[in-house]
C-alpha atoms as a PDB file:
ATOM      1  CA  UNK A   1     -28.971 117.547 177.166  1.00  0.00           C
ATOM      2  CA  UNK A   2     -27.172 121.020 177.189  1.00  0.00           C
ATOM      3  CA  UNK A   3     -23.596 119.681 178.064  1.00  0.00           C
ATOM      4  CA  UNK A   4     -23.892 116.984 175.355  1.00  0.00           C
ATOM      5  CA  UNK A   5     -24.897 120.127 172.880  1.00  0.00           C
ATOM      6  CA  UNK A   6     -21.984 122.173 174.067  1.00  0.00           C
ATOM      7  CA  UNK A   7     -19.449 119.562 173.504  1.00  0.00           C
ATOM      8  CA  UNK A   8     -20.826 118.886 170.045  1.00  0.00           C
ATOM      9  CA  UNK A   9     -20.718 122.275 169.206  1.00  0.00           C
ATOM     10  CA  UNK A  10     -17.217 122.648 170.508  1.00  0.00           C
ATOM     11  CA  UNK A  11     -16.192 119.204 168.428  1.00  0.00           C
ATOM     12  CA  UNK A  12     -17.745 120.647 165.284  1.00  0.00           C
ATOM     13  CA  UNK A  13     -15.764 123.793 165.710  1.00  0.00           C
ATOM     14  CA  UNK A  14     -12.209 121.799 166.137  1.00  0.00           C
ATOM     15  CA  UNK A  15     -13.091 119.800 163.300  1.00  0.00           C
ATOM     16  CA  UNK A  16     -13.676 122.829 161.206  1.00  0.00           C
ATOM     17  CA  UNK A  17     -10.645 124.801 162.220  1.00  0.00           C
ATOM     18  CA  UNK A  18      -8.479 121.647 161.921  1.00  0.00           C
ATOM     19  CA  UNK A  19      -9.720 121.341 158.228  1.00  0.00           C
ATOM     20  CA  UNK A  20      -9.061 124.991 157.712  1.00  0.00           C
ATOM     21  CA  UNK A  21      -5.695 124.569 159.138  1.00  0.00           C
ATOM     22  CA  UNK A  22      -4.553 121.747 156.919  1.00  0.00           C
ATOM     23  CA  UNK A  23      -6.316 123.323 153.828  1.00  0.00           C
ATOM     24  CA  UNK A  24      -3.903 126.489 154.470  1.00  0.00           C
ATOM     25  CA  UNK A  25      -1.048 124.255 154.861  1.00  0.00           C
ATOM     26  CA  UNK A  26      -1.392 122.278 151.848  1.00  0.00           C
ATOM     27  CA  UNK A  27      -2.033 125.619 150.031  1.00  0.00           C
ATOM     28  CA  UNK A  28       1.373 126.933 151.589  1.00  0.00           C
ATOM     29  CA  UNK A  29       3.075 123.886 150.414  1.00  0.00           C
ATOM     30  CA  UNK A  30       2.017 123.999 146.786  1.00  0.00           C
ATOM     31  CA  UNK A  31       3.213 127.768 146.776  1.00  0.00           C
ATOM     32  CA  UNK A  32       6.315 127.306 147.839  1.00  0.00           C
ATOM     33  CA  UNK A  33       8.635 129.635 145.942  1.00  0.00           C
ATOM     34  CA  UNK A  34      11.049 128.094 143.519  1.00  0.00           C
ATOM     35  CA  UNK A  35      14.420 127.968 144.557  1.00  0.00           C
ATOM     36  CA  UNK A  36      16.673 128.580 141.157  1.00  0.00           C
ATOM     37  CA  UNK A  37      20.447 128.355 141.355  1.00  0.00           C
ATOM     38  CA  UNK A  38      22.464 129.766 138.526  1.00  0.00           C
ATOM     39  CA  UNK A  39      25.899 130.549 137.232  1.00  0.00           C
ATOM     40  CA  UNK A  40      24.537 132.893 134.551  1.00  0.00           C
ATOM     41  CA  UNK A  41      26.351 136.430 133.832  1.00  0.00           C
ATOM     42  CA  UNK A  42      24.174 139.573 134.683  1.00  0.00           C
ATOM     43  CA  UNK A  43      22.970 140.115 131.347  1.00  0.00           C
ATOM     44  CA  UNK A  44      21.069 136.781 131.411  1.00  0.00           C
ATOM     45  CA  UNK A  45      20.206 136.829 134.907  1.00  0.00           C
ATOM     46  CA  UNK A  46      18.333 140.539 134.186  1.00  0.00           C
ATOM     47  CA  UNK A  47      16.515 138.946 131.261  1.00  0.00           C
ATOM     48  CA  UNK A  48      15.599 135.784 133.260  1.00  0.00           C
ATOM     49  CA  UNK A  49      13.839 138.043 136.277  1.00  0.00           C
ATOM     50  CA  UNK A  50      12.317 140.295 133.532  1.00  0.00           C
ATOM     51  CA  UNK A  51      10.554 137.377 131.832  1.00  0.00           C
ATOM     52  CA  UNK A  52       9.408 135.703 135.016  1.00  0.00           C
ATOM     53  CA  UNK A  53       8.278 138.542 136.714  1.00  0.00           C
ATOM     54  CA  UNK A  54       6.275 140.046 133.390  1.00  0.00           C
ATOM     55  CA  UNK A  55       4.660 136.426 133.299  1.00  0.00           C
ATOM     56  CA  UNK A  56       3.122 136.141 136.443  1.00  0.00           C
ATOM     57  CA  UNK A  57       6.028 134.317 138.356  1.00  0.00           C
ATOM     58  CA  UNK A  58       7.262 137.563 140.587  1.00  0.00           C
ATOM     59  CA  UNK A  59       7.219 136.408 144.083  1.00  0.00           C
ATOM     60  CA  UNK A  60       7.055 132.942 143.497  1.00  0.00           C
ATOM     61  CA  UNK A  61      11.063 132.087 143.112  1.00  0.00           C
ATOM     62  CA  UNK A  62      14.088 132.696 144.904  1.00  0.00           C
ATOM     63  CA  UNK A  63      17.113 133.288 142.774  1.00  0.00           C
ATOM     64  CA  UNK A  64      20.596 132.784 144.045  1.00  0.00           C
ATOM     65  CA  UNK A  65      24.104 133.279 141.965  1.00  0.00           C
ATOM     66  CA  UNK A  66      27.153 130.935 142.178  1.00  0.00           C
ATOM     67  CA  UNK A  67      30.189 130.720 140.402  1.00  0.00           C
ATOM     68  CA  UNK A  68      30.465 127.629 137.934  1.00  0.00           C
ATOM     69  CA  UNK A  69      32.866 125.906 139.863  1.00  0.00           C
ATOM     70  CA  UNK A  70      31.127 126.313 142.824  1.00  0.00           C
ATOM     71  CA  UNK A  71      27.631 125.461 141.547  1.00  0.00           C
ATOM     72  CA  UNK A  72      29.260 122.346 139.690  1.00  0.00           C
ATOM     73  CA  UNK A  73      30.459 121.078 143.155  1.00  0.00           C
ATOM     74  CA  UNK A  74      27.236 121.306 144.961  1.00  0.00           C
ATOM     75  CA  UNK A  75      25.745 119.407 142.147  1.00  0.00           C
ATOM     76  CA  UNK A  76      28.298 116.645 142.193  1.00  0.00           C
ATOM     77  CA  UNK A  77      28.358 116.301 145.997  1.00  0.00           C
ATOM     78  CA  UNK A  78      24.621 116.895 146.746  1.00  0.00           C
ATOM     79  CA  UNK A  79      22.755 115.556 143.584  1.00  0.00           C
ATOM     80  CA  UNK A  80      19.079 115.540 143.828  1.00  0.00           C
ATOM     81  CA  UNK A  81      19.042 116.621 147.655  1.00  0.00           C
ATOM     82  CA  UNK A  82      20.327 119.953 146.319  1.00  0.00           C
ATOM     83  CA  UNK A  83      18.203 123.043 147.584  1.00  0.00           C
ATOM     84  CA  UNK A  84      17.533 124.116 144.359  1.00  0.00           C
ATOM     85  CA  UNK A  85      14.509 123.059 142.070  1.00  0.00           C
ATOM     86  CA  UNK A  86      15.868 124.356 139.051  1.00  0.00           C
ATOM     87  CA  UNK A  87      19.102 125.683 137.607  1.00  0.00           C
ATOM     88  CA  UNK A  88      20.630 127.100 135.024  1.00  0.00           C
ATOM     89  CA  UNK A  89      24.538 126.078 134.316  1.00  0.00           C
ATOM     90  CA  UNK A  90      27.118 125.309 131.705  1.00  0.00           C
ATOM     91  CA  UNK A  91      25.691 122.336 129.827  1.00  0.00           C
ATOM     92  CA  UNK A  92      28.663 119.829 130.067  1.00  0.00           C
ATOM     93  CA  UNK A  93      28.317 120.123 133.820  1.00  0.00           C
ATOM     94  CA  UNK A  94      24.632 119.138 133.657  1.00  0.00           C
ATOM     95  CA  UNK A  95      25.396 116.010 131.614  1.00  0.00           C
ATOM     96  CA  UNK A  96      28.463 115.131 134.166  1.00  0.00           C
ATOM     97  CA  UNK A  97      26.018 115.726 136.816  1.00  0.00           C
ATOM     98  CA  UNK A  98      23.457 113.642 135.277  1.00  0.00           C
ATOM     99  CA  UNK A  99      25.687 110.929 134.599  1.00  0.00           C
ATOM    100  CA  UNK A 100      27.217 110.935 138.254  1.00  0.00           C
ATOM    101  CA  UNK A 101      23.798 111.342 140.197  1.00  0.00           C
ATOM    102  CA  UNK A 102      20.679 110.944 137.673  1.00  0.00           C
ATOM    103  CA  UNK A 103      19.358 113.884 139.133  1.00  0.00           C
ATOM    104  CA  UNK A 104      17.549 115.958 136.331  1.00  0.00           C
ATOM    105  CA  UNK A 105      13.913 115.577 135.518  1.00  0.00           C
ATOM    106  CA  UNK A 106      12.547 114.970 132.073  1.00  0.00           C
ATOM    107  CA  UNK A 107      11.099 118.263 130.397  1.00  0.00           C
ATOM    108  CA  UNK A 108       7.639 118.584 129.942  1.00  0.00           C
ATOM    109  CA  UNK A 109       7.746 120.862 126.998  1.00  0.00           C
ATOM    110  CA  UNK A 110       8.736 120.926 123.753  1.00  0.00           C
ATOM    111  CA  UNK A 111      11.310 123.659 123.117  1.00  0.00           C
ATOM    112  CA  UNK A 112      11.971 123.475 119.318  1.00  0.00           C
ATOM    113  CA  UNK A 113      15.466 123.586 119.493  1.00  0.00           C
ATOM    114  CA  UNK A 114      17.848 123.615 116.213  1.00  0.00           C
ATOM    115  CA  UNK A 115      20.626 121.735 118.349  1.00  0.00           C
ATOM    116  CA  UNK A 116      20.012 118.372 119.633  1.00  0.00           C
ATOM    117  CA  UNK A 117      20.169 117.795 123.554  1.00  0.00           C
ATOM    118  CA  UNK A 118      19.268 115.405 125.839  1.00  0.00           C
ATOM    119  CA  UNK A 119      15.725 115.370 127.043  1.00  0.00           C
ATOM    120  CA  UNK A 120      16.425 116.725 130.507  1.00  0.00           C
ATOM    121  CA  UNK A 121      17.617 120.036 129.533  1.00  0.00           C
ATOM    122  CA  UNK A 122      17.415 122.640 127.028  1.00  0.00           C
ATOM    123  CA  UNK A 123      19.820 125.620 126.273  1.00  0.00           C
ATOM    124  CA  UNK A 124      19.633 129.298 127.800  1.00  0.00           C
ATOM    125  CA  UNK A 125      22.365 130.836 125.764  1.00  0.00           C
ATOM    126  CA  UNK A 126      25.786 129.897 123.638  1.00  0.00           C
ATOM    127  CA  UNK A 127      28.889 131.554 123.387  1.00  0.00           C
ATOM    128  CA  UNK A 128      31.532 131.175 120.676  1.00  0.00           C
ATOM    129  CA  UNK A 129      35.142 132.185 120.171  1.00  0.00           C
ATOM    130  CA  UNK A 130      37.006 133.747 117.678  1.00  0.00           C
ATOM    131  CA  UNK A 131      40.341 135.772 117.173  1.00  0.00           C
ATOM    132  CA  UNK A 132      40.349 139.482 118.244  1.00  0.00           C
ATOM    133  CA  UNK A 133      42.439 142.250 117.090  1.00  0.00           C
ATOM    134  CA  UNK A 134      42.998 145.714 117.707  1.00  0.00           C
ATOM    135  CA  UNK A 135      43.223 147.266 114.302  1.00  0.00           C
ATOM    136  CA  UNK A 136      44.956 150.337 114.832  1.00  0.00           C
ATOM    137  CA  UNK A 137      47.828 148.584 117.008  1.00  0.00           C
ATOM    138  CA  UNK A 138      48.161 146.354 113.985  1.00  0.00           C
ATOM    139  CA  UNK A 139      48.898 149.094 111.918  1.00  0.00           C
ATOM    140  CA  UNK A 140      50.825 151.349 114.205  1.00  0.00           C
ATOM    141  CA  UNK A 141      53.010 148.213 114.385  1.00  0.00           C
ATOM    142  CA  UNK A 142      53.078 146.989 110.885  1.00  0.00           C
ATOM    143  CA  UNK A 143      51.917 143.500 112.210  1.00  0.00           C
ATOM    144  CA  UNK A 144      49.703 141.343 109.668  1.00  0.00           C
ATOM    145  CA  UNK A 145      46.339 140.228 110.346  1.00  0.00           C
ATOM    146  CA  UNK A 146      45.998 136.713 112.054  1.00  0.00           C
ATOM    147  CA  UNK A 147      44.114 133.968 110.085  1.00  0.00           C
ATOM    148  CA  UNK A 148      43.870 131.616 112.711  1.00  0.00           C
ATOM    149  CA  UNK A 149      44.704 130.365 116.203  1.00  0.00           C
ATOM    150  CA  UNK A 150      48.118 129.349 115.528  1.00  0.00           C
ATOM    151  CA  UNK A 151      49.003 132.635 113.795  1.00  0.00           C
ATOM    152  CA  UNK A 152      49.084 134.343 117.319  1.00  0.00           C
ATOM    153  CA  UNK A 153      51.858 132.531 118.317  1.00  0.00           C
ATOM    154  CA  UNK A 154      54.248 133.942 115.866  1.00  0.00           C
ATOM    155  CA  UNK A 155      56.989 135.974 116.753  1.00  0.00           C
ATOM    156  CA  UNK A 156      56.014 139.166 115.368  1.00  0.00           C
ATOM    157  CA  UNK A 157      53.430 139.202 117.957  1.00  0.00           C
ATOM    158  CA  UNK A 158      55.628 138.877 121.151  1.00  0.00           C
ATOM    159  CA  UNK A 159      54.313 140.596 124.202  1.00  0.00           C
ATOM    160  CA  UNK A 160      51.215 141.708 122.204  1.00  0.00           C
ATOM    161  CA  UNK A 161      49.031 138.984 122.911  1.00  0.00           C
ATOM    162  CA  UNK A 162      46.198 138.095 125.362  1.00  0.00           C
ATOM    163  CA  UNK A 163      44.558 134.884 125.946  1.00  0.00           C
ATOM    164  CA  UNK A 164      42.500 133.188 128.510  1.00  0.00           C
ATOM    165  CA  UNK A 165      44.219 130.679 131.165  1.00  0.00           C
ATOM    166  CA  UNK A 166      41.879 127.517 131.001  1.00  0.00           C
ATOM    167  CA  UNK A 167      42.227 127.278 134.674  1.00  0.00           C
ATOM    168  CA  UNK A 168      40.779 130.416 134.883  1.00  0.00           C
ATOM    169  CA  UNK A 169      37.608 130.294 132.591  1.00  0.00           C
ATOM    170  CA  UNK A 170      35.944 128.196 130.281  1.00  0.00           C
ATOM    171  CA  UNK A 171      36.265 130.643 127.620  1.00  0.00           C
ATOM    172  CA  UNK A 172      39.589 129.320 126.887  1.00  0.00           C
ATOM    173  CA  UNK A 173      38.243 125.866 126.437  1.00  0.00           C
ATOM    174  CA  UNK A 174      36.699 127.255 123.386  1.00  0.00           C
ATOM    175  CA  UNK A 175      40.370 127.894 121.954  1.00  0.00           C
ATOM    176  CA  UNK A 176      41.718 124.663 123.212  1.00  0.00           C
ATOM    177  CA  UNK A 177      38.981 122.392 121.660  1.00  0.00           C
ATOM    178  CA  UNK A 178      39.930 124.483 118.435  1.00  0.00           C
ATOM    179  CA  UNK A 179      43.381 123.522 118.540  1.00  0.00           C
ATOM    180  CA  UNK A 180      43.066 120.017 119.677  1.00  0.00           C
ATOM    181  CA  UNK A 181      40.445 119.350 116.546  1.00  0.00           C
ATOM    182  CA  UNK A 182      42.911 120.844 113.959  1.00  0.00           C
ATOM    183  CA  UNK A 183      46.653 119.703 115.196  1.00  0.00           C
ATOM    184  CA  UNK A 184      46.059 116.867 117.570  1.00  0.00           C
ATOM    185  CA  UNK A 185      47.069 117.028 121.206  1.00  0.00           C
ATOM    186  CA  UNK A 186      50.761 116.918 120.561  1.00  0.00           C
ATOM    187  CA  UNK A 187      50.566 119.532 117.871  1.00  0.00           C
ATOM    188  CA  UNK A 188      48.348 121.708 120.176  1.00  0.00           C
ATOM    189  CA  UNK A 189      51.162 121.585 122.855  1.00  0.00           C
ATOM    190  CA  UNK A 190      53.557 123.108 120.490  1.00  0.00           C
ATOM    191  CA  UNK A 191      50.955 126.058 119.494  1.00  0.00           C
ATOM    192  CA  UNK A 192      49.979 126.694 123.057  1.00  0.00           C
ATOM    193  CA  UNK A 193      53.851 126.921 123.992  1.00  0.00           C
ATOM    194  CA  UNK A 194      54.255 129.536 121.561  1.00  0.00           C
ATOM    195  CA  UNK A 195      51.203 131.484 122.306  1.00  0.00           C
ATOM    196  CA  UNK A 196      51.670 131.502 126.152  1.00  0.00           C
ATOM    197  CA  UNK A 197      55.343 132.711 125.183  1.00  0.00           C
ATOM    198  CA  UNK A 198      53.915 135.498 123.341  1.00  0.00           C
ATOM    199  CA  UNK A 199      51.231 136.454 126.070  1.00  0.00           C
ATOM    200  CA  UNK A 200      53.864 136.572 128.824  1.00  0.00           C
ATOM    201  CA  UNK A 201      51.675 138.632 131.635  1.00  0.00           C
ATOM    202  CA  UNK A 202      48.669 138.751 129.583  1.00  0.00           C
ATOM    203  CA  UNK A 203      47.668 135.242 130.375  1.00  0.00           C
ATOM    204  CA  UNK A 204      44.157 135.996 132.028  1.00  0.00           C
ATOM    205  CA  UNK A 205      41.866 134.029 134.438  1.00  0.00           C
ATOM    206  CA  UNK A 206      38.884 135.925 133.167  1.00  0.00           C
ATOM    207  CA  UNK A 207      36.896 135.091 130.005  1.00  0.00           C
ATOM    208  CA  UNK A 208      36.568 139.016 129.475  1.00  0.00           C
ATOM    209  CA  UNK A 209      40.347 139.833 130.239  1.00  0.00           C
ATOM    210  CA  UNK A 210      41.673 139.739 126.735  1.00  0.00           C
ATOM    211  CA  UNK A 211      39.038 141.995 124.908  1.00  0.00           C
ATOM    212  CA  UNK A 212      39.675 144.712 127.907  1.00  0.00           C
ATOM    213  CA  UNK A 213      43.311 144.581 127.012  1.00  0.00           C
ATOM    214  CA  UNK A 214      42.830 144.802 123.272  1.00  0.00           C
ATOM    215  CA  UNK A 215      40.154 147.882 123.747  1.00  0.00           C
ATOM    216  CA  UNK A 216      42.760 149.773 126.030  1.00  0.00           C
ATOM    217  CA  UNK A 217      45.348 149.102 123.411  1.00  0.00           C
ATOM    218  CA  UNK A 218      47.722 146.882 125.807  1.00  0.00           C
ATOM    219  CA  UNK A 219      47.909 144.355 123.379  1.00  0.00           C
ATOM    220  CA  UNK A 220      47.130 143.780 119.535  1.00  0.00           C
ATOM    221  CA  UNK A 221      45.725 140.414 119.048  1.00  0.00           C
ATOM    222  CA  UNK A 222      44.174 137.660 121.272  1.00  0.00           C
ATOM    223  CA  UNK A 223      41.250 135.254 121.861  1.00  0.00           C
ATOM    224  CA  UNK A 224      38.195 135.641 123.320  1.00  0.00           C
ATOM    225  CA  UNK A 225      34.452 135.736 122.990  1.00  0.00           C
ATOM    226  CA  UNK A 226      33.074 136.517 119.495  1.00  0.00           C
ATOM    227  CA  UNK A 227      29.893 138.237 120.346  1.00  0.00           C
ATOM    228  CA  UNK A 228      31.983 140.828 122.258  1.00  0.00           C
ATOM    229  CA  UNK A 229      34.087 141.717 119.693  1.00  0.00           C
ATOM    230  CA  UNK A 230      31.275 142.058 117.063  1.00  0.00           C
ATOM    231  CA  UNK A 231      29.561 144.737 119.781  1.00  0.00           C
ATOM    232  CA  UNK A 232      32.721 146.849 120.120  1.00  0.00           C
ATOM    233  CA  UNK A 233      33.354 146.882 116.586  1.00  0.00           C
ATOM    234  CA  UNK A 234      29.911 147.839 115.856  1.00  0.00           C
ATOM    235  CA  UNK A 235      30.069 150.676 118.501  1.00  0.00           C
ATOM    236  CA  UNK A 236      33.074 152.300 116.570  1.00  0.00           C
ATOM    237  CA  UNK A 237      35.934 151.007 118.478  1.00  0.00           C
ATOM    238  CA  UNK A 238      38.928 149.996 116.684  1.00  0.00           C
ATOM    239  CA  UNK A 239      38.263 146.036 117.174  1.00  0.00           C
ATOM    240  CA  UNK A 240      37.798 143.428 114.757  1.00  0.00           C
ATOM    241  CA  UNK A 241      37.449 139.737 114.860  1.00  0.00           C
ATOM    242  CA  UNK A 242      38.669 136.473 112.896  1.00  0.00           C
ATOM    243  CA  UNK A 243      36.643 133.308 112.404  1.00  0.00           C
ATOM    244  CA  UNK A 244      39.875 131.381 112.630  1.00  0.00           C
ATOM    245  CA  UNK A 245      40.314 128.646 110.312  1.00  0.00           C
ATOM    246  CA  UNK A 246      40.460 126.018 113.289  1.00  0.00           C
ATOM    247  CA  UNK A 247      37.004 126.893 113.673  1.00  0.00           C
ATOM    248  CA  UNK A 248      34.776 128.673 116.050  1.00  0.00           C
ATOM    249  CA  UNK A 249      33.617 126.522 118.688  1.00  0.00           C
ATOM    250  CA  UNK A 250      31.026 126.720 121.092  1.00  0.00           C
ATOM    251  CA  UNK A 251      29.798 126.263 124.856  1.00  0.00           C
ATOM    252  CA  UNK A 252      26.198 126.386 126.107  1.00  0.00           C
ATOM    253  CA  UNK A 253      24.629 127.075 129.479  1.00  0.00           C
ATOM    254  CA  UNK A 254      21.066 125.386 130.019  1.00  0.00           C
ATOM    255  CA  UNK A 255      18.022 125.234 132.170  1.00  0.00           C
ATOM    256  CA  UNK A 256      17.486 122.032 134.143  1.00  0.00           C
ATOM    257  CA  UNK A 257      14.858 120.931 136.561  1.00  0.00           C
ATOM    258  CA  UNK A 258      15.769 118.662 139.991  1.00  0.00           C
ATOM    259  CA  UNK A 259      14.104 115.549 140.407  1.00  0.00           C
ATOM    260  CA  UNK A 260      13.562 115.782 143.869  1.00  0.00           C
ATOM    261  CA  UNK A 261      11.552 113.657 146.280  1.00  0.00           C
ATOM    262  CA  UNK A 262       9.484 116.849 147.287  1.00  0.00           C
ATOM    263  CA  UNK A 263       9.172 117.886 143.765  1.00  0.00           C
ATOM    264  CA  UNK A 264       7.374 121.465 143.266  1.00  0.00           C
ATOM    265  CA  UNK A 265       5.721 121.209 139.830  1.00  0.00           C
ATOM    266  CA  UNK A 266       5.968 125.153 139.534  1.00  0.00           C
ATOM    267  CA  UNK A 267       9.500 124.401 139.016  1.00  0.00           C
ATOM    268  CA  UNK A 268       8.550 123.182 135.271  1.00  0.00           C
ATOM    269  CA  UNK A 269       6.598 126.011 134.250  1.00  0.00           C
ATOM    270  CA  UNK A 270       9.172 128.398 135.583  1.00  0.00           C
ATOM    271  CA  UNK A 271      11.679 126.723 133.302  1.00  0.00           C
ATOM    272  CA  UNK A 272       9.101 126.711 130.485  1.00  0.00           C
ATOM    273  CA  UNK A 273       8.611 130.750 131.089  1.00  0.00           C
ATOM    274  CA  UNK A 274      12.349 131.382 130.946  1.00  0.00           C
ATOM    275  CA  UNK A 275      13.066 129.479 127.697  1.00  0.00           C
ATOM    276  CA  UNK A 276       9.503 130.855 126.017  1.00  0.00           C
ATOM    277  CA  UNK A 277      10.209 134.413 127.295  1.00  0.00           C
ATOM    278  CA  UNK A 278      13.704 135.053 128.229  1.00  0.00           C
ATOM    279  CA  UNK A 279      15.387 134.670 124.931  1.00  0.00           C
ATOM    280  CA  UNK A 280      14.093 137.376 123.218  1.00  0.00           C
ATOM    281  CA  UNK A 281      16.394 139.478 125.651  1.00  0.00           C
ATOM    282  CA  UNK A 282      19.161 136.924 125.917  1.00  0.00           C
ATOM    283  CA  UNK A 283      20.041 136.554 122.311  1.00  0.00           C
ATOM    284  CA  UNK A 284      20.727 140.246 122.030  1.00  0.00           C
ATOM    285  CA  UNK A 285      23.615 139.957 124.369  1.00  0.00           C
ATOM    286  CA  UNK A 286      24.483 136.109 123.222  1.00  0.00           C
ATOM    287  CA  UNK A 287      23.814 136.307 119.578  1.00  0.00           C
ATOM    288  CA  UNK A 288      23.648 132.717 118.632  1.00  0.00           C
ATOM    289  CA  UNK A 289      20.611 130.960 117.334  1.00  0.00           C
ATOM    290  CA  UNK A 290      19.636 128.069 119.363  1.00  0.00           C
ATOM    291  CA  UNK A 291      15.583 127.794 118.721  1.00  0.00           C
ATOM    292  CA  UNK A 292      13.460 127.597 115.637  1.00  0.00           C
ATOM    293  CA  UNK A 293      12.255 131.088 114.747  1.00  0.00           C
ATOM    294  CA  UNK A 294      15.372 133.060 116.032  1.00  0.00           C
ATOM    295  CA  UNK A 295      17.176 135.318 113.586  1.00  0.00           C
ATOM    296  CA  UNK A 296      20.529 137.329 114.455  1.00  0.00           C
ATOM    297  CA  UNK A 297      22.425 139.921 112.054  1.00  0.00           C
ATOM    298  CA  UNK A 298      24.740 138.492 109.534  1.00  0.00           C
ATOM    299  CA  UNK A 299      27.918 139.683 111.474  1.00  0.00           C
ATOM    300  CA  UNK A 300      26.735 137.597 114.428  1.00  0.00           C
ATOM    301  CA  UNK A 301      26.594 134.377 112.261  1.00  0.00           C
ATOM    302  CA  UNK A 302      30.024 133.092 112.752  1.00  0.00           C
ATOM    303  CA  UNK A 303      31.826 131.763 109.498  1.00  0.00           C
ATOM    304  CA  UNK A 304      33.439 128.564 110.732  1.00  0.00           C
ATOM    305  CA  UNK A 305      31.217 126.952 113.237  1.00  0.00           C
ATOM    306  CA  UNK A 306      32.200 123.587 114.594  1.00  0.00           C
ATOM    307  CA  UNK A 307      31.428 120.902 117.190  1.00  0.00           C
ATOM    308  CA  UNK A 308      34.026 118.981 118.994  1.00  0.00           C
ATOM    309  CA  UNK A 309      34.277 115.516 118.104  1.00  0.00           C
ATOM    310  CA  UNK A 310      33.910 114.014 122.038  1.00  0.00           C
ATOM    311  CA  UNK A 311      31.139 114.723 124.165  1.00  0.00           C
ATOM    312  CA  UNK A 312      32.223 117.869 126.597  1.00  0.00           C
ATOM    313  CA  UNK A 313      32.335 116.699 129.768  1.00  0.00           C
ATOM    314  CA  UNK A 314      34.171 117.940 133.426  1.00  0.00           C
ATOM    315  CA  UNK A 315      36.749 115.118 133.137  1.00  0.00           C
ATOM    316  CA  UNK A 316      37.441 116.316 129.431  1.00  0.00           C
ATOM    317  CA  UNK A 317      37.790 119.706 130.706  1.00  0.00           C
ATOM    318  CA  UNK A 318      39.990 118.744 133.553  1.00  0.00           C
ATOM    319  CA  UNK A 319      41.925 116.865 130.627  1.00  0.00           C
ATOM    320  CA  UNK A 320      42.687 119.708 128.500  1.00  0.00           C
ATOM    321  CA  UNK A 321      43.339 122.190 131.383  1.00  0.00           C
ATOM    322  CA  UNK A 322      46.499 119.576 132.372  1.00  0.00           C
ATOM    323  CA  UNK A 323      47.391 119.711 128.869  1.00  0.00           C
ATOM    324  CA  UNK A 324      47.525 123.491 128.947  1.00  0.00           C
ATOM    325  CA  UNK A 325      49.230 123.518 132.225  1.00  0.00           C
ATOM    326  CA  UNK A 326      51.978 121.546 130.518  1.00  0.00           C
ATOM    327  CA  UNK A 327      52.727 124.039 128.310  1.00  0.00           C
ATOM    328  CA  UNK A 328      53.563 127.242 130.507  1.00  0.00           C
END
């Protein structure tokens, strides 16, 4: 009888600990950190982490940064098998990856956007392009103020132009879209040949390359990110910006949740937190209104905002890169 009691107690103990460990395992699985892959610049990354850490998600995520092309390659190659639970990425890459792999989950929150997007992503930030000038150099060299992107291909700006190479940064795509929209592909080739001839060694691979050279006085005019020029002008630098007649085109980076087999529901909560709580800081660095209730200073409202007639995809980017290469 005593032996039976000992065996019974031992069995009950085993069952208790087995249940305890099973409960711990289940809890650990539900608390697995959300893996975030992002191509965002430093300012946006800081805002994202601040929003998450101050709203109860500190220690509940792992953040990894990638270059746009590198992360795009992973999305196309790995689909929903990618390690990430959540991404922030250029919107046209997200749309192209969804078309190829059907890999994103429908968002479970209403972000109240002012622009229409598919239901599987929502914008994190937006950038717009403009013509940028060094007003001091314009005056010293007796140069006229350009009114369009096409103008910076004029002979008076020879060797005083800096623009971005579309093979190096999508900032250049803002310029190419504007030109194609206004002049068609054949007309754009003529304009780009003149601009590249004027730029010479100042054809940059970095999106911030032109404004750095305009700030330093190496060149007088160029094409770059509008918000950077607005900031420089406000700080007292001899920098001004021109909303070109061809238009201020935009690119967005967005948040999307991976529709994984082992889906972590915390990823959707984190996505919502990023949009609802990081935007207040992000809009200071990227001052383009994307959601209802947002406001920006008057100078940050582009005077000639336009949208490209075709859906932006990686295939379209490649076509425009090839067009650009033919003009060098």
